[in-house]
C-alpha atoms as a PDB file:
ATOM      1  CA  MET A   1      -1.243 -38.166  -0.781  1.00  0.00           C
ATOM      2  CA  LEU A   2      -2.843 -34.975   0.509  1.00  0.00           C
ATOM      3  CA  ARG A   3      -2.000 -32.061  -1.748  1.00  0.00           C
ATOM      4  CA  TYR A   4      -2.563 -28.322  -1.350  1.00  0.00           C
ATOM      5  CA  GLN A   5      -0.738 -27.363  -4.516  1.00  0.00           C
ATOM      6  CA  LEU A   6      -0.391 -29.580  -7.559  1.00  0.00           C
ATOM      7  CA  PRO A   7       3.036 -29.854  -9.179  1.00  0.00           C
ATOM      8  CA  GLY A   8       3.602 -28.293 -12.548  1.00  0.00           C
ATOM      9  CA  ILE A   9       3.847 -31.649 -14.328  1.00  0.00           C
ATOM     10  CA  ILE A  10       0.235 -32.361 -13.450  1.00  0.00           C
ATOM     11  CA  ARG A  11      -0.900 -28.891 -14.463  1.00  0.00           C
ATOM     12  CA  GLN A  12       0.677 -29.421 -17.846  1.00  0.00           C
ATOM     13  CA  CYS A  13      -1.761 -32.244 -18.429  1.00  0.00           C
ATOM     14  CA  TYR A  14      -4.553 -29.639 -18.588  1.00  0.00           C
ATOM     15  CA  ARG A  15      -3.033 -27.069 -20.919  1.00  0.00           C
ATOM     16  CA  GLY A  16      -5.216 -24.045 -21.640  1.00  0.00           C
ATOM     17  CA  VAL A  17      -6.978 -23.992 -18.296  1.00  0.00           C
ATOM     18  CA  THR A  18      -6.364 -21.345 -15.611  1.00  0.00           C
ATOM     19  CA  TRP A  19      -4.443 -22.490 -12.534  1.00  0.00           C
ATOM     20  CA  ARG A  20      -3.060 -19.137 -11.406  1.00  0.00           C
ATOM     21  CA  ARG A  21      -3.299 -15.457 -12.342  1.00  0.00           C
ATOM     22  CA  ASN A  22      -0.396 -13.061 -12.902  1.00  0.00           C
ATOM     23  CA  PRO A  23       2.628 -14.162 -10.786  1.00  0.00           C
ATOM     24  CA  GLU A  24       4.003 -10.643 -10.941  1.00  0.00           C
ATOM     25  CA  GLU A  25       1.005  -9.193  -9.100  1.00  0.00           C
ATOM     26  CA  LYS A  26       0.627  -9.435  -5.312  1.00  0.00           C
ATOM     27  CA  ALA A  27      -2.996 -10.621  -5.464  1.00  0.00           C
ATOM     28  CA  VAL A  28      -5.041 -13.598  -4.341  1.00  0.00           C
ATOM     29  CA  TYR A  29      -8.250 -14.845  -5.938  1.00  0.00           C
ATOM     30  CA  LEU A  30     -10.589 -16.266  -3.346  1.00  0.00           C
ATOM     31  CA  THR A  31     -13.085 -18.837  -4.642  1.00  0.00           C
ATOM     32  CA  PHE A  32     -15.805 -21.088  -3.231  1.00  0.00           C
ATOM     33  CA  ASP A  33     -17.210 -24.297  -4.663  1.00  0.00           C
ATOM     34  CA  ASP A  34     -20.436 -26.283  -4.290  1.00  0.00           C
ATOM     35  CA  GLY A  35     -22.949 -23.631  -3.022  1.00  0.00           C
ATOM     36  CA  CYS A  36     -24.986 -21.745  -2.780  1.00  0.00           C
ATOM     37  CA  ILE A  37     -26.898 -23.061   0.272  1.00  0.00           C
ATOM     38  CA  PRO A  38     -28.778 -21.222   3.007  1.00  0.00           C
ATOM     39  CA  GLU A  39     -27.079 -23.108   5.837  1.00  0.00           C
ATOM     40  CA  VAL A  40     -23.574 -21.793   4.884  1.00  0.00           C
ATOM     41  CA  THR A  41     -23.430 -19.179   2.182  1.00  0.00           C
ATOM     42  CA  PRO A  42     -25.059 -16.221   3.986  1.00  0.00           C
ATOM     43  CA  ARG A  43     -22.528 -16.493   6.798  1.00  0.00           C
ATOM     44  CA  VAL A  44     -19.698 -16.567   4.236  1.00  0.00           C
ATOM     45  CA  LEU A  45     -21.106 -13.400   2.718  1.00  0.00           C
ATOM     46  CA  ASP A  46     -21.114 -11.719   6.061  1.00  0.00           C
ATOM     47  CA  ILE A  47     -17.498 -12.615   6.722  1.00  0.00           C
ATOM     48  CA  LEU A  48     -16.499 -11.241   3.315  1.00  0.00           C
ATOM     49  CA  ASP A  49     -18.428  -8.038   3.983  1.00  0.00           C
ATOM     50  CA  ARG A  50     -16.673  -7.623   7.329  1.00  0.00           C
ATOM     51  CA  PHE A  51     -13.256  -7.703   5.607  1.00  0.00           C
ATOM     52  CA  GLY A  52     -14.459  -5.712   2.603  1.00  0.00           C
ATOM     53  CA  VAL A  53     -13.430  -8.371   0.043  1.00  0.00           C
ATOM     54  CA  LYS A  54     -15.127 -10.056  -2.900  1.00  0.00           C
ATOM     55  CA  ALA A  55     -14.925 -13.678  -4.012  1.00  0.00           C
ATOM     56  CA  THR A  56     -15.943 -15.911  -6.918  1.00  0.00           C
ATOM     57  CA  PHE A  57     -18.557 -18.607  -6.211  1.00  0.00           C
ATOM     58  CA  PHE A  58     -18.657 -21.636  -8.468  1.00  0.00           C
ATOM     59  CA  CYS A  59     -22.267 -22.708  -7.942  1.00  0.00           C
ATOM     60  CA  VAL A  60     -24.038 -25.959  -8.476  1.00  0.00           C
ATOM     61  CA  GLY A  61     -26.962 -25.323 -10.793  1.00  0.00           C
ATOM     62  CA  ASP A  62     -29.463 -27.362  -8.696  1.00  0.00           C
ATOM     63  CA  ASN A  63     -28.675 -25.187  -5.690  1.00  0.00           C
ATOM     64  CA  VAL A  64     -29.270 -22.072  -7.774  1.00  0.00           C
ATOM     65  CA  ARG A  65     -32.564 -23.557  -8.856  1.00  0.00           C
ATOM     66  CA  LYS A  66     -33.557 -24.234  -5.224  1.00  0.00           C
ATOM     67  CA  TYR A  67     -32.306 -20.923  -3.797  1.00  0.00           C
ATOM     68  CA  PRO A  68     -32.633 -18.246  -6.464  1.00  0.00           C
ATOM     69  CA  ASP A  69     -32.878 -15.414  -3.914  1.00  0.00           C
ATOM     70  CA  LEU A  70     -29.609 -16.458  -2.352  1.00  0.00           C
ATOM     71  CA  PHE A  71     -27.925 -16.598  -5.753  1.00  0.00           C
ATOM     72  CA  ALA A  72     -29.259 -13.132  -6.530  1.00  0.00           C
ATOM     73  CA  GLU A  73     -27.876 -11.918  -3.194  1.00  0.00           C
ATOM     74  CA  LEU A  74     -24.407 -13.217  -4.144  1.00  0.00           C
ATOM     75  CA  LYS A  75     -24.440 -11.008  -7.225  1.00  0.00           C
ATOM     76  CA  ARG A  76     -26.104  -8.102  -5.492  1.00  0.00           C
ATOM     77  CA  ARG A  77     -23.208  -7.942  -2.999  1.00  0.00           C
ATOM     78  CA  GLY A  78     -20.759  -7.703  -5.831  1.00  0.00           C
ATOM     79  CA  HIS A  79     -19.371 -11.239  -5.950  1.00  0.00           C
ATOM     80  CA  ARG A  80     -18.706 -13.132  -9.192  1.00  0.00           C
ATOM     81  CA  VAL A  81     -20.317 -16.475 -10.038  1.00  0.00           C
ATOM     82  CA  GLY A  82     -19.189 -19.438 -12.063  1.00  0.00           C
ATOM     83  CA  ASN A  83     -20.631 -22.716 -13.391  1.00  0.00           C
ATOM     84  CA  HIS A  84     -19.962 -25.943 -11.401  1.00  0.00           C
ATOM     85  CA  THR A  85     -22.371 -28.194 -13.367  1.00  0.00           C
ATOM     86  CA  PHE A  86     -26.006 -28.727 -12.486  1.00  0.00           C
ATOM     87  CA  HIS A  87     -25.656 -31.925 -10.438  1.00  0.00           C
ATOM     88  CA  HIS A  88     -21.974 -31.763  -9.376  1.00  0.00           C
ATOM     89  CA  LEU A  89     -21.079 -34.487 -11.787  1.00  0.00           C
ATOM     90  CA  ARG A  90     -17.719 -36.276 -11.921  1.00  0.00           C
ATOM     91  CA  GLY A  91     -16.485 -35.865 -15.482  1.00  0.00           C
ATOM     92  CA  PHE A  92     -14.472 -39.090 -15.582  1.00  0.00           C
ATOM     93  CA  ARG A  93     -17.517 -41.132 -14.642  1.00  0.00           C
ATOM     94  CA  THR A  94     -20.055 -39.337 -16.922  1.00  0.00           C
ATOM     95  CA  PRO A  95     -20.583 -39.774 -20.688  1.00  0.00           C
ATOM     96  CA  ASP A  96     -19.693 -36.623 -22.556  1.00  0.00           C
ATOM     97  CA  ASN A  97     -23.184 -35.880 -23.829  1.00  0.00           C
ATOM     98  CA  ILE A  98     -24.694 -36.091 -20.314  1.00  0.00           C
ATOM     99  CA  TYR A  99     -21.911 -34.031 -18.773  1.00  0.00           C
ATOM    100  CA  LEU A 100     -22.065 -31.294 -21.361  1.00  0.00           C
ATOM    101  CA  ALA A 101     -25.887 -31.160 -21.135  1.00  0.00           C
ATOM    102  CA  ASP A 102     -25.584 -30.866 -17.373  1.00  0.00           C
ATOM    103  CA  VAL A 103     -23.178 -27.888 -17.726  1.00  0.00           C
ATOM    104  CA  GLN A 104     -25.563 -26.267 -20.167  1.00  0.00           C
ATOM    105  CA  ALA A 105     -28.518 -26.709 -17.771  1.00  0.00           C
ATOM    106  CA  ALA A 106     -26.510 -24.950 -15.081  1.00  0.00           C
ATOM    107  CA  GLN A 107     -25.480 -22.247 -17.505  1.00  0.00           C
ATOM    108  CA  GLU A 108     -29.074 -21.364 -18.250  1.00  0.00           C
ATOM    109  CA  LEU A 109     -29.437 -20.369 -14.568  1.00  0.00           C
ATOM    110  CA  ILE A 110     -25.901 -19.093 -13.827  1.00  0.00           C
ATOM    111  CA  GLY A 111     -24.932 -17.362 -17.043  1.00  0.00           C
ATOM    112  CA  SER A 112     -21.176 -17.147 -16.450  1.00  0.00           C
ATOM    113  CA  TYR A 113     -18.148 -17.447 -18.731  1.00  0.00           C
ATOM    114  CA  LEU A 114     -16.273 -19.197 -15.841  1.00  0.00           C
ATOM    115  CA  PHE A 115     -16.373 -22.950 -15.333  1.00  0.00           C
ATOM    116  CA  ARG A 116     -14.775 -25.230 -12.741  1.00  0.00           C
ATOM    117  CA  PRO A 117     -15.218 -29.015 -13.016  1.00  0.00           C
ATOM    118  CA  PRO A 118     -16.318 -30.722  -9.759  1.00  0.00           C
ATOM    119  CA  HIS A 119     -13.380 -32.440  -8.060  1.00  0.00           C
ATOM    120  CA  GLY A 120     -11.102 -30.710 -10.551  1.00  0.00           C
ATOM    121  CA  ARG A 121     -11.367 -33.528 -13.047  1.00  0.00           C
ATOM    122  CA  MET A 122     -12.825 -33.953 -16.491  1.00  0.00           C
ATOM    123  CA  LYS A 123     -12.045 -35.815 -19.677  1.00  0.00           C
ATOM    124  CA  TRP A 124      -9.954 -34.243 -22.432  1.00  0.00           C
ATOM    125  CA  SER A 125     -12.954 -34.453 -24.724  1.00  0.00           C
ATOM    126  CA  GLN A 126     -15.088 -32.534 -22.199  1.00  0.00           C
ATOM    127  CA  LYS A 127     -12.361 -29.922 -21.721  1.00  0.00           C
ATOM    128  CA  ARG A 128     -12.020 -29.431 -25.443  1.00  0.00           C
ATOM    129  CA  GLN A 129     -15.761 -28.791 -25.838  1.00  0.00           C
ATOM    130  CA  LEU A 130     -16.070 -26.543 -22.800  1.00  0.00           C
ATOM    131  CA  GLN A 131     -13.090 -24.359 -23.727  1.00  0.00           C
ATOM    132  CA  ARG A 132     -15.074 -23.090 -26.672  1.00  0.00           C
ATOM    133  CA  SER A 133     -17.487 -21.307 -24.325  1.00  0.00           C
ATOM    134  CA  PHE A 134     -15.787 -20.965 -20.930  1.00  0.00           C
ATOM    135  CA  GLU A 135     -12.635 -20.037 -19.170  1.00  0.00           C
ATOM    136  CA  ILE A 136     -11.955 -23.226 -17.251  1.00  0.00           C
ATOM    137  CA  VAL A 137     -10.552 -22.287 -13.844  1.00  0.00           C
ATOM    138  CA  MET A 138      -8.794 -24.756 -11.596  1.00  0.00           C
ATOM    139  CA  TRP A 139      -6.741 -23.552  -8.606  1.00  0.00           C
ATOM    140  CA  ASP A 140      -3.300 -22.818  -7.272  1.00  0.00           C
ATOM    141  CA  VAL A 141      -4.152 -23.613  -3.616  1.00  0.00           C
ATOM    142  CA  LEU A 142      -6.676 -26.231  -2.500  1.00  0.00           C
ATOM    143  CA  THR A 143      -7.434 -25.673   1.187  1.00  0.00           C
ATOM    144  CA  ASN A 144      -8.821 -29.205   1.756  1.00  0.00           C
ATOM    145  CA  ASP A 145     -11.408 -27.659   4.078  1.00  0.00           C
ATOM    146  CA  PHE A 146     -13.736 -30.552   3.209  1.00  0.00           C
ATOM    147  CA  ASN A 147     -11.387 -33.075   4.836  1.00  0.00           C
ATOM    148  CA  ALA A 148     -12.826 -33.955   8.260  1.00  0.00           C
ATOM    149  CA  HIS A 149      -9.545 -35.559   9.302  1.00  0.00           C
ATOM    150  CA  LEU A 150      -7.772 -32.198   9.143  1.00  0.00           C
ATOM    151  CA  GLN A 151      -7.763 -29.587  11.862  1.00  0.00           C
ATOM    152  CA  PRO A 152      -8.234 -25.851  11.065  1.00  0.00           C
ATOM    153  CA  ASP A 153      -4.789 -24.877  12.303  1.00  0.00           C
ATOM    154  CA  GLU A 154      -3.151 -27.277   9.807  1.00  0.00           C
ATOM    155  CA  ILE A 155      -5.307 -25.990   6.941  1.00  0.00           C
ATOM    156  CA  LEU A 156      -4.428 -22.404   7.889  1.00  0.00           C
ATOM    157  CA  ARG A 157      -0.728 -23.219   8.122  1.00  0.00           C
ATOM    158  CA  GLN A 158      -0.655 -24.939   4.750  1.00  0.00           C
ATOM    159  CA  THR A 159      -2.709 -22.281   3.028  1.00  0.00           C
ATOM    160  CA  LYS A 160      -0.309 -19.599   4.258  1.00  0.00           C
ATOM    161  CA  ARG A 161       2.650 -21.732   3.181  1.00  0.00           C
ATOM    162  CA  HIS A 162       1.387 -22.216  -0.362  1.00  0.00           C
ATOM    163  CA  THR A 163      -0.037 -18.754  -1.038  1.00  0.00           C
ATOM    164  CA  ARG A 164       1.929 -16.796  -3.618  1.00  0.00           C
ATOM    165  CA  ASN A 165       1.354 -14.028  -6.153  1.00  0.00           C
ATOM    166  CA  GLY A 166      -1.638 -14.806  -8.309  1.00  0.00           C
ATOM    167  CA  SER A 167      -2.888 -17.749  -6.262  1.00  0.00           C
ATOM    168  CA  ILE A 168      -6.403 -18.961  -6.930  1.00  0.00           C
ATOM    169  CA  VAL A 169      -7.547 -20.398  -3.619  1.00  0.00           C
ATOM    170  CA  VAL A 170     -10.454 -22.837  -3.126  1.00  0.00           C
ATOM    171  CA  PHE A 171     -12.764 -23.052  -0.143  1.00  0.00           C
ATOM    172  CA  HIS A 172     -16.249 -24.662  -0.138  1.00  0.00           C
ATOM    173  CA  ASP A 173     -19.514 -23.171   1.031  1.00  0.00           C
ATOM    174  CA  SER A 174     -20.893 -26.605   1.750  1.00  0.00           C
ATOM    175  CA  LEU A 175     -22.124 -28.536   4.800  1.00  0.00           C
ATOM    176  CA  LYS A 176     -19.217 -30.914   4.591  1.00  0.00           C
ATOM    177  CA  ALA A 177     -16.606 -28.139   4.722  1.00  0.00           C
ATOM    178  CA  GLN A 178     -18.254 -25.653   7.012  1.00  0.00           C
ATOM    179  CA  ARG A 179     -16.431 -26.542  10.276  1.00  0.00           C
ATOM    180  CA  ASN A 180     -13.000 -26.031   8.826  1.00  0.00           C
ATOM    181  CA  MET A 181     -13.933 -23.301   6.435  1.00  0.00           C
ATOM    182  CA  PHE A 182     -15.502 -21.012   9.047  1.00  0.00           C
ATOM    183  CA  ALA A 183     -12.561 -21.503  11.393  1.00  0.00           C
ATOM    184  CA  VAL A 184      -9.956 -20.732   8.759  1.00  0.00           C
ATOM    185  CA  LEU A 185     -11.591 -18.181   6.466  1.00  0.00           C
ATOM    186  CA  PRO A 186     -11.420 -15.063   8.700  1.00  0.00           C
ATOM    187  CA  GLU A 187      -7.865 -15.935   9.798  1.00  0.00           C
ATOM    188  CA  ILE A 188      -6.542 -16.397   6.302  1.00  0.00           C
ATOM    189  CA  ILE A 189      -8.223 -13.218   4.930  1.00  0.00           C
ATOM    190  CA  ALA A 190      -6.715 -11.221   7.793  1.00  0.00           C
ATOM    191  CA  TRP A 191      -3.300 -12.743   7.091  1.00  0.00           C
ATOM    192  CA  TRP A 192      -3.496 -12.025   3.356  1.00  0.00           C
ATOM    193  CA  GLN A 193      -4.334  -8.440   4.087  1.00  0.00           C
ATOM    194  CA  GLU A 194      -1.549  -8.145   6.610  1.00  0.00           C
ATOM    195  CA  GLN A 195       0.877  -9.511   4.005  1.00  0.00           C
ATOM    196  CA  GLY A 196      -0.247  -6.949   1.460  1.00  0.00           C
ATOM    197  CA  TYR A 197      -2.163  -9.212  -0.876  1.00  0.00           C
ATOM    198  CA  GLU A 198      -5.024  -7.678  -2.778  1.00  0.00           C
ATOM    199  CA  LEU A 199      -8.079  -9.936  -2.940  1.00  0.00           C
ATOM    200  CA  LYS A 200      -9.444  -9.801  -6.491  1.00  0.00           C
ATOM    201  CA  LEU A 201     -12.232 -11.293  -8.539  1.00  0.00           C
ATOM    202  CA  LEU A 202     -11.511 -13.753 -11.364  1.00  0.00           C
END
């Protein structure tokens, strides 16, 4: 089943991770996963500049290795960065020692206290270890921009529907997601601003 917002019962399975910020504050936290890459990320940065907003980018370490100037540009423009492993590993399919070493390899390049597991999944044992060094950030609204079967108008409609105070919203600065993401991103930022949401960094 396609989900934009996970029910509370599922969130309780990952106690101690961040799903949403302060529900009393009219703010949204815009995040991007899987970059940074030259085909997509620079255009994202230009859109964010146009609206005068900042975002948090959970970067894949190998992309940072390949495109250090682009990573530096993210930070130069005032955006925040987070760790998304070095090789975009699936935690459930990866032995703990390999997974944790991959996170550490990314950390040597990224240097952030924020971590988001690829695909939003990891083992309890991995979570327990990573919580010692990171704030593990999941999401309140998953846009599903990577889903080629979805049209941008449906993604926009559902993202509006599920946005609420403190929402952490996930887009992807990736080749797979770019069609939907570029169609929706300016529209949703404009809508958030019209609705009075402040866009904040994690």
